[in-house]
């Protein structure tokens, strides 16, 4: 009762990362930008000694702009649409 290991093709992890990043769309980047903006604001608030409210006043417009861009300025279009 020995298990036979499944052989997987050897693939460089860097090549896999490049493939994933190359397949990322504009909307994938939008999903990354919003939480990163708030995370950077929280870190900046603690490092620079400003209040969290002041830091959020900078991050919130970034999030709003990204949402407006994704929903209204460049909305997703169905591939079958003319």
PDB file of N, CA and C in Angstrom:
ATOM      1  N   UNK A   1       0.828  -1.181   0.000  1.00  0.00           N
ATOM      2  CA  UNK A   1       0.000   0.000   0.000  1.00  0.00           C
ATOM      3  C   UNK A   1       0.874   1.247   0.000  1.00  0.00           C
ATOM      4  N   UNK A   2       1.568   1.410  -1.070  1.00  0.00           N
ATOM      5  CA  UNK A   2       2.402   2.586  -1.230  1.00  0.00           C
ATOM      6  C   UNK A   2       1.714   3.565  -2.167  1.00  0.00           C
ATOM      7  N   UNK A   3       1.809   4.812  -1.810  1.00  0.00           N
ATOM      8  CA  UNK A   3       1.235   5.835  -2.669  1.00  0.00           C
ATOM      9  C   UNK A   3       2.271   6.276  -3.683  1.00  0.00           C
ATOM     10  N   UNK A   4       1.818   6.417  -4.878  1.00  0.00           N
ATOM     11  CA  UNK A   4       2.703   6.866  -5.936  1.00  0.00           C
ATOM     12  C   UNK A   4       2.549   8.382  -6.072  1.00  0.00           C
ATOM     13  N   UNK A   5       3.610   9.136  -5.909  1.00  0.00           N
ATOM     14  CA  UNK A   5       3.483  10.591  -6.020  1.00  0.00           C
ATOM     15  C   UNK A   5       3.146  10.999  -7.452  1.00  0.00           C
ATOM     16  N   UNK A   6       2.342  12.028  -7.540  1.00  0.00           N
ATOM     17  CA  UNK A   6       1.976  12.564  -8.846  1.00  0.00           C
ATOM     18  C   UNK A   6       3.120  13.445  -9.326  1.00  0.00           C
ATOM     19  N   UNK A   7       3.572  13.160 -10.515  1.00  0.00           N
ATOM     20  CA  UNK A   7       4.658  13.987 -11.043  1.00  0.00           C
ATOM     21  C   UNK A   7       4.063  15.227 -11.696  1.00  0.00           C
ATOM     22  N   UNK A   8       4.574  16.345 -11.300  1.00  0.00           N
ATOM     23  CA  UNK A   8       4.118  17.618 -11.845  1.00  0.00           C
ATOM     24  C   UNK A   8       5.233  18.204 -12.688  1.00  0.00           C
ATOM     25  N   UNK A   9       4.856  18.850 -13.755  1.00  0.00           N
ATOM     26  CA  UNK A   9       5.909  19.464 -14.571  1.00  0.00           C
ATOM     27  C   UNK A   9       6.599  20.575 -13.783  1.00  0.00           C
ATOM     28  N   UNK A  10       7.883  20.636 -13.928  1.00  0.00           N
ATOM     29  CA  UNK A  10       8.662  21.665 -13.230  1.00  0.00           C
ATOM     30  C   UNK A  10       8.462  22.997 -13.945  1.00  0.00           C
ATOM     31  N   UNK A  11       7.924  23.945 -13.228  1.00  0.00           N
ATOM     32  CA  UNK A  11       7.687  25.267 -13.798  1.00  0.00           C
ATOM     33  C   UNK A  11       8.270  26.306 -12.864  1.00  0.00           C
ATOM     34  N   UNK A  12       8.940  27.245 -13.441  1.00  0.00           N
ATOM     35  CA  UNK A  12       9.548  28.309 -12.661  1.00  0.00           C
ATOM     36  C   UNK A  12       8.449  29.164 -12.029  1.00  0.00           C
ATOM     37  N   UNK A  13       8.492  29.391 -10.709  1.00  0.00           N
ATOM     38  CA  UNK A  13       7.462  30.211 -10.064  1.00  0.00           C
ATOM     39  C   UNK A  13       7.410  31.635 -10.619  1.00  0.00           C
ATOM     40  N   UNK A  14       8.544  32.145 -11.049  1.00  0.00           N
ATOM     41  CA  UNK A  14       8.560  33.495 -11.618  1.00  0.00           C
ATOM     42  C   UNK A  14       7.759  33.543 -12.915  1.00  0.00           C
ATOM     43  N   UNK A  15       7.885  32.502 -13.746  1.00  0.00           N
ATOM     44  CA  UNK A  15       7.098  32.445 -14.985  1.00  0.00           C
ATOM     45  C   UNK A  15       5.609  32.377 -14.685  1.00  0.00           C
ATOM     46  N   UNK A  16       5.244  31.631 -13.652  1.00  0.00           N
ATOM     47  CA  UNK A  16       3.832  31.545 -13.265  1.00  0.00           C
ATOM     48  C   UNK A  16       3.326  32.911 -12.803  1.00  0.00           C
ATOM     49  N   UNK A  17       4.127  33.631 -12.036  1.00  0.00           N
ATOM     50  CA  UNK A  17       3.744  34.966 -11.576  1.00  0.00           C
ATOM     51  C   UNK A  17       3.579  35.928 -12.748  1.00  0.00           C
ATOM     52  N   UNK A  18       4.490  35.857 -13.700  1.00  0.00           N
ATOM     53  CA  UNK A  18       4.400  36.720 -14.881  1.00  0.00           C
ATOM     54  C   UNK A  18       3.127  36.421 -15.663  1.00  0.00           C
ATOM     55  N   UNK A  19       2.777  35.141 -15.798  1.00  0.00           N
ATOM     56  CA  UNK A  19       1.550  34.777 -16.510  1.00  0.00           C
ATOM     57  C   UNK A  19       0.309  35.320 -15.806  1.00  0.00           C
ATOM     58  N   UNK A  20       0.292  35.235 -14.483  1.00  0.00           N
ATOM     59  CA  UNK A  20      -0.859  35.731 -13.726  1.00  0.00           C
ATOM     60  C   UNK A  20      -0.968  37.246 -13.849  1.00  0.00           C
ATOM     61  N   UNK A  21       0.143  37.941 -13.729  1.00  0.00           N
ATOM     62  CA  UNK A  21       0.109  39.401 -13.830  1.00  0.00           C
ATOM     63  C   UNK A  21      -0.234  39.861 -15.241  1.00  0.00           C
ATOM     64  N   UNK A  22       0.188  39.111 -16.244  1.00  0.00           N
ATOM     65  CA  UNK A  22      -0.133  39.472 -17.627  1.00  0.00           C
ATOM     66  C   UNK A  22      -1.620  39.278 -17.913  1.00  0.00           C
ATOM     67  N   UNK A  23      -2.251  38.358 -17.204  1.00  0.00           N
ATOM     68  CA  UNK A  23      -3.673  38.093 -17.421  1.00  0.00           C
ATOM     69  C   UNK A  23      -4.566  39.038 -16.619  1.00  0.00           C
ATOM     70  N   UNK A  24      -3.983  39.852 -15.750  1.00  0.00           N
ATOM     71  CA  UNK A  24      -4.777  40.764 -14.923  1.00  0.00           C
ATOM     72  C   UNK A  24      -5.415  41.839 -15.796  1.00  0.00           C
ATOM     73  N   UNK A  25      -6.659  42.127 -15.495  1.00  0.00           N
ATOM     74  CA  UNK A  25      -7.378  43.149 -16.252  1.00  0.00           C
ATOM     75  C   UNK A  25      -7.412  44.459 -15.463  1.00  0.00           C
ATOM     76  N   UNK A  26      -7.988  45.457 -16.071  1.00  0.00           N
ATOM     77  CA  UNK A  26      -8.148  46.761 -15.425  1.00  0.00           C
ATOM     78  C   UNK A  26      -8.947  46.634 -14.134  1.00  0.00           C
ATOM     79  N   UNK A  27      -9.953  45.771 -14.147  1.00  0.00           N
ATOM     80  CA  UNK A  27     -10.831  45.618 -12.993  1.00  0.00           C
ATOM     81  C   UNK A  27     -10.145  44.852 -11.868  1.00  0.00           C
ATOM     82  N   UNK A  28      -9.220  43.969 -12.204  1.00  0.00           N
ATOM     83  CA  UNK A  28      -8.414  43.320 -11.174  1.00  0.00           C
ATOM     84  C   UNK A  28      -7.548  44.356 -10.464  1.00  0.00           C
ATOM     85  N   UNK A  29      -7.000  45.267 -11.223  1.00  0.00           N
ATOM     86  CA  UNK A  29      -6.185  46.329 -10.618  1.00  0.00           C
ATOM     87  C   UNK A  29      -7.031  47.250  -9.744  1.00  0.00           C
ATOM     88  N   UNK A  30      -8.262  47.510 -10.162  1.00  0.00           N
ATOM     89  CA  UNK A  30      -9.158  48.317  -9.326  1.00  0.00           C
ATOM     90  C   UNK A  30      -9.404  47.637  -7.984  1.00  0.00           C
ATOM     91  N   UNK A  31      -9.570  46.316  -8.020  1.00  0.00           N
ATOM     92  CA  UNK A  31      -9.805  45.583  -6.775  1.00  0.00           C
ATOM     93  C   UNK A  31      -8.595  45.618  -5.852  1.00  0.00           C
ATOM     94  N   UNK A  32      -7.428  45.859  -6.398  1.00  0.00           N
ATOM     95  CA  UNK A  32      -6.216  45.946  -5.583  1.00  0.00           C
ATOM     96  C   UNK A  32      -6.005  47.369  -5.069  1.00  0.00           C
ATOM     97  N   UNK A  33      -6.298  48.352  -5.896  1.00  0.00           N
ATOM     98  CA  UNK A  33      -5.989  49.742  -5.555  1.00  0.00           C
ATOM     99  C   UNK A  33      -6.764  50.228  -4.334  1.00  0.00           C
ATOM    100  N   UNK A  34      -8.045  49.889  -4.243  1.00  0.00           N
ATOM    101  CA  UNK A  34      -8.872  50.426  -3.152  1.00  0.00           C
ATOM    102  C   UNK A  34      -8.361  49.984  -1.779  1.00  0.00           C
ATOM    103  N   UNK A  35      -8.190  48.687  -1.500  1.00  0.00           N
ATOM    104  CA  UNK A  35      -7.695  48.333  -0.165  1.00  0.00           C
ATOM    105  C   UNK A  35      -6.258  48.785   0.085  1.00  0.00           C
ATOM    106  N   UNK A  36      -5.441  48.826  -0.964  1.00  0.00           N
ATOM    107  CA  UNK A  36      -4.060  49.290  -0.780  1.00  0.00           C
ATOM    108  C   UNK A  36      -4.048  50.765  -0.385  1.00  0.00           C
ATOM    109  N   UNK A  37      -4.919  51.561  -0.967  1.00  0.00           N
ATOM    110  CA  UNK A  37      -4.979  52.985  -0.606  1.00  0.00           C
ATOM    111  C   UNK A  37      -5.323  53.159   0.868  1.00  0.00           C
ATOM    112  N   UNK A  38      -6.274  52.368   1.355  1.00  0.00           N
ATOM    113  CA  UNK A  38      -6.650  52.477   2.768  1.00  0.00           C
ATOM    114  C   UNK A  38      -5.559  51.914   3.682  1.00  0.00           C
ATOM    115  N   UNK A  39      -4.900  50.849   3.260  1.00  0.00           N
ATOM    116  CA  UNK A  39      -3.811  50.288   4.068  1.00  0.00           C
ATOM    117  C   UNK A  39      -2.647  51.269   4.161  1.00  0.00           C
ATOM    118  N   UNK A  40      -2.309  51.892   3.049  1.00  0.00           N
ATOM    119  CA  UNK A  40      -1.236  52.892   3.060  1.00  0.00           C
ATOM    120  C   UNK A  40      -1.627  54.074   3.941  1.00  0.00           C
ATOM    121  N   UNK A  41      -2.888  54.464   3.910  1.00  0.00           N
ATOM    122  CA  UNK A  41      -3.346  55.573   4.753  1.00  0.00           C
ATOM    123  C   UNK A  41      -3.223  55.222   6.233  1.00  0.00           C
ATOM    124  N   UNK A  42      -3.574  53.992   6.592  1.00  0.00           N
ATOM    125  CA  UNK A  42      -3.450  53.588   7.997  1.00  0.00           C
ATOM    126  C   UNK A  42      -1.992  53.549   8.442  1.00  0.00           C
ATOM    127  N   UNK A  43      -1.125  53.030   7.599  1.00  0.00           N
ATOM    128  CA  UNK A  43       0.302  52.994   7.942  1.00  0.00           C
ATOM    129  C   UNK A  43       0.851  54.412   8.036  1.00  0.00           C
ATOM    130  N   UNK A  44       0.481  55.257   7.099  1.00  0.00           N
ATOM    131  CA  UNK A  44       0.954  56.642   7.129  1.00  0.00           C
ATOM    132  C   UNK A  44       0.453  57.369   8.369  1.00  0.00           C
ATOM    133  N   UNK A  45      -0.780  57.077   8.784  1.00  0.00           N
ATOM    134  CA  UNK A  45      -1.319  57.723   9.984  1.00  0.00           C
ATOM    135  C   UNK A  45      -0.512  57.343  11.211  1.00  0.00           C
ATOM    136  N   UNK A  46      -0.131  56.087  11.301  1.00  0.00           N
ATOM    137  CA  UNK A  46       0.624  55.671  12.485  1.00  0.00           C
ATOM    138  C   UNK A  46       2.073  56.139  12.429  1.00  0.00           C
ATOM    139  N   UNK A  47       2.667  56.164  11.245  1.00  0.00           N
ATOM    140  CA  UNK A  47       4.073  56.560  11.127  1.00  0.00           C
ATOM    141  C   UNK A  47       4.238  58.073  11.230  1.00  0.00           C
ATOM    142  N   UNK A  48       3.373  58.803  10.568  1.00  0.00           N
ATOM    143  CA  UNK A  48       3.515  60.260  10.532  1.00  0.00           C
ATOM    144  C   UNK A  48       2.867  60.965  11.709  1.00  0.00           C
ATOM    145  N   UNK A  49       2.071  60.234  12.475  1.00  0.00           N
ATOM    146  CA  UNK A  49       1.453  60.824  13.645  1.00  0.00           C
ATOM    147  C   UNK A  49       0.221  61.662  13.353  1.00  0.00           C
ATOM    148  N   UNK A  50      -0.342  61.523  12.173  1.00  0.00           N
ATOM    149  CA  UNK A  50      -1.584  62.238  11.877  1.00  0.00           C
ATOM    150  C   UNK A  50      -2.755  61.377  12.326  1.00  0.00           C
ATOM    151  N   UNK A  51      -3.914  61.987  12.460  1.00  0.00           N
ATOM    152  CA  UNK A  51      -5.070  61.221  12.910  1.00  0.00           C
ATOM    153  C   UNK A  51      -5.549  60.300  11.790  1.00  0.00           C
ATOM    154  N   UNK A  52      -6.244  59.256  12.191  1.00  0.00           N
ATOM    155  CA  UNK A  52      -6.761  58.299  11.215  1.00  0.00           C
ATOM    156  C   UNK A  52      -7.796  58.971  10.319  1.00  0.00           C
ATOM    157  N   UNK A  53      -8.552  59.892  10.874  1.00  0.00           N
ATOM    158  CA  UNK A  53      -9.562  60.600  10.080  1.00  0.00           C
ATOM    159  C   UNK A  53      -8.895  61.392   8.958  1.00  0.00           C
ATOM    160  N   UNK A  54      -7.812  62.069   9.263  1.00  0.00           N
ATOM    161  CA  UNK A  54      -7.103  62.825   8.231  1.00  0.00           C
ATOM    162  C   UNK A  54      -6.547  61.899   7.156  1.00  0.00           C
ATOM    163  N   UNK A  55      -6.034  60.762   7.566  1.00  0.00           N
ATOM    164  CA  UNK A  55      -5.504  59.806   6.590  1.00  0.00           C
ATOM    165  C   UNK A  55      -6.616  59.237   5.720  1.00  0.00           C
ATOM    166  N   UNK A  56      -7.774  58.980   6.318  1.00  0.00           N
ATOM    167  CA  UNK A  56      -8.902  58.447   5.549  1.00  0.00           C
ATOM    168  C   UNK A  56      -9.460  59.490   4.582  1.00  0.00           C
ATOM    169  N   UNK A  57      -9.310  60.773   4.924  1.00  0.00           N
ATOM    170  CA  UNK A  57      -9.758  61.828   4.012  1.00  0.00           C
ATOM    171  C   UNK A  57      -8.929  61.851   2.731  1.00  0.00           C
ATOM    172  N   UNK A  58      -7.741  61.300   2.772  1.00  0.00           N
ATOM    173  CA  UNK A  58      -6.920  61.173   1.568  1.00  0.00           C
ATOM    174  C   UNK A  58      -7.270  59.885   0.827  1.00  0.00           C
ATOM    175  N   UNK A  59      -7.470  58.787   1.559  1.00  0.00           N
ATOM    176  CA  UNK A  59      -7.721  57.485   0.930  1.00  0.00           C
ATOM    177  C   UNK A  59      -9.124  57.387   0.338  1.00  0.00           C
ATOM    178  N   UNK A  60     -10.094  58.013   0.965  1.00  0.00           N
ATOM    179  CA  UNK A  60     -11.482  57.891   0.499  1.00  0.00           C
ATOM    180  C   UNK A  60     -11.684  58.438  -0.915  1.00  0.00           C
ATOM    181  N   UNK A  61     -11.177  59.616  -1.249  1.00  0.00           N
ATOM    182  CA  UNK A  61     -11.347  60.077  -2.639  1.00  0.00           C
ATOM    183  C   UNK A  61     -10.667  59.169  -3.660  1.00  0.00           C
ATOM    184  N   UNK A  62      -9.565  58.554  -3.273  1.00  0.00           N
ATOM    185  CA  UNK A  62      -8.913  57.605  -4.183  1.00  0.00           C
ATOM    186  C   UNK A  62      -9.847  56.434  -4.452  1.00  0.00           C
ATOM    187  N   UNK A  63     -10.446  55.894  -3.390  1.00  0.00           N
ATOM    188  CA  UNK A  63     -11.393  54.798  -3.559  1.00  0.00           C
ATOM    189  C   UNK A  63     -12.600  55.202  -4.372  1.00  0.00           C
ATOM    190  N   UNK A  64     -13.112  56.392  -4.131  1.00  0.00           N
ATOM    191  CA  UNK A  64     -14.279  56.874  -4.884  1.00  0.00           C
ATOM    192  C   UNK A  64     -13.926  57.040  -6.358  1.00  0.00           C
ATOM    193  N   UNK A  65     -12.764  57.605  -6.640  1.00  0.00           N
ATOM    194  CA  UNK A  65     -12.356  57.780  -8.032  1.00  0.00           C
ATOM    195  C   UNK A  65     -12.217  56.437  -8.743  1.00  0.00           C
ATOM    196  N   UNK A  66     -11.651  55.451  -8.067  1.00  0.00           N
ATOM    197  CA  UNK A  66     -11.486  54.128  -8.678  1.00  0.00           C
ATOM    198  C   UNK A  66     -12.846  53.507  -8.970  1.00  0.00           C
ATOM    199  N   UNK A  67     -13.786  53.638  -8.047  1.00  0.00           N
ATOM    200  CA  UNK A  67     -15.125  53.076  -8.260  1.00  0.00           C
ATOM    201  C   UNK A  67     -15.838  53.803  -9.400  1.00  0.00           C
ATOM    202  N   UNK A  68     -15.726  55.123  -9.450  1.00  0.00           N
ATOM    203  CA  UNK A  68     -16.340  55.881 -10.546  1.00  0.00           C
ATOM    204  C   UNK A  68     -15.717  55.483 -11.877  1.00  0.00           C
ATOM    205  N   UNK A  69     -14.404  55.322 -11.890  1.00  0.00           N
ATOM    206  CA  UNK A  69     -13.727  54.917 -13.118  1.00  0.00           C
ATOM    207  C   UNK A  69     -14.188  53.536 -13.573  1.00  0.00           C
ATOM    208  N   UNK A  70     -14.301  52.605 -12.633  1.00  0.00           N
ATOM    209  CA  UNK A  70     -14.670  51.233 -12.989  1.00  0.00           C
ATOM    210  C   UNK A  70     -16.132  51.114 -13.390  1.00  0.00           C
ATOM    211  N   UNK A  71     -16.998  51.889 -12.777  1.00  0.00           N
ATOM    212  CA  UNK A  71     -18.441  51.725 -13.028  1.00  0.00           C
ATOM    213  C   UNK A  71     -18.983  52.651 -14.110  1.00  0.00           C
ATOM    214  N   UNK A  72     -18.456  53.867 -14.206  1.00  0.00           N
ATOM    215  CA  UNK A  72     -19.066  54.857 -15.084  1.00  0.00           C
ATOM    216  C   UNK A  72     -18.163  55.307 -16.235  1.00  0.00           C
ATOM    217  N   UNK A  73     -16.899  55.559 -15.964  1.00  0.00           N
ATOM    218  CA  UNK A  73     -16.028  56.052 -17.028  1.00  0.00           C
ATOM    219  C   UNK A  73     -15.580  54.942 -17.972  1.00  0.00           C
ATOM    220  N   UNK A  74     -15.261  53.774 -17.438  1.00  0.00           N
ATOM    221  CA  UNK A  74     -14.829  52.623 -18.234  1.00  0.00           C
ATOM    222  C   UNK A  74     -15.565  51.377 -17.769  1.00  0.00           C
ATOM    223  N   UNK A  75     -16.872  51.313 -17.996  1.00  0.00           N
ATOM    224  CA  UNK A  75     -17.628  50.158 -17.497  1.00  0.00           C
ATOM    225  C   UNK A  75     -17.272  48.894 -18.272  1.00  0.00           C
ATOM    226  N   UNK A  76     -17.486  47.742 -17.643  1.00  0.00           N
ATOM    227  CA  UNK A  76     -17.238  46.492 -18.365  1.00  0.00           C
ATOM    228  C   UNK A  76     -18.202  46.374 -19.545  1.00  0.00           C
ATOM    229  N   UNK A  77     -17.698  45.861 -20.640  1.00  0.00           N
ATOM    230  CA  UNK A  77     -18.500  45.718 -21.850  1.00  0.00           C
ATOM    231  C   UNK A  77     -18.556  44.243 -22.206  1.00  0.00           C
ATOM    232  N   UNK A  78     -19.748  43.785 -22.576  1.00  0.00           N
ATOM    233  CA  UNK A  78     -19.911  42.402 -22.999  1.00  0.00           C
ATOM    234  C   UNK A  78     -19.132  42.190 -24.293  1.00  0.00           C
ATOM    235  N   UNK A  79     -18.416  41.078 -24.385  1.00  0.00           N
ATOM    236  CA  UNK A  79     -17.598  40.810 -25.566  1.00  0.00           C
ATOM    237  C   UNK A  79     -18.440  40.675 -26.834  1.00  0.00           C
ATOM    238  N   UNK A  80     -19.702  40.265 -26.700  1.00  0.00           N
ATOM    239  CA  UNK A  80     -20.559  40.096 -27.865  1.00  0.00           C
ATOM    240  C   UNK A  80     -21.222  41.384 -28.323  1.00  0.00           C
ATOM    241  N   UNK A  81     -21.067  42.459 -27.563  1.00  0.00           N
ATOM    242  CA  UNK A  81     -21.717  43.725 -27.914  1.00  0.00           C
ATOM    243  C   UNK A  81     -20.989  44.402 -29.067  1.00  0.00           C
ATOM    244  N   UNK A  82     -21.719  45.116 -29.914  1.00  0.00           N
ATOM    245  CA  UNK A  82     -21.052  45.855 -31.008  1.00  0.00           C
ATOM    246  C   UNK A  82     -20.375  47.105 -30.505  1.00  0.00           C
TER     247      UNK A  82
END
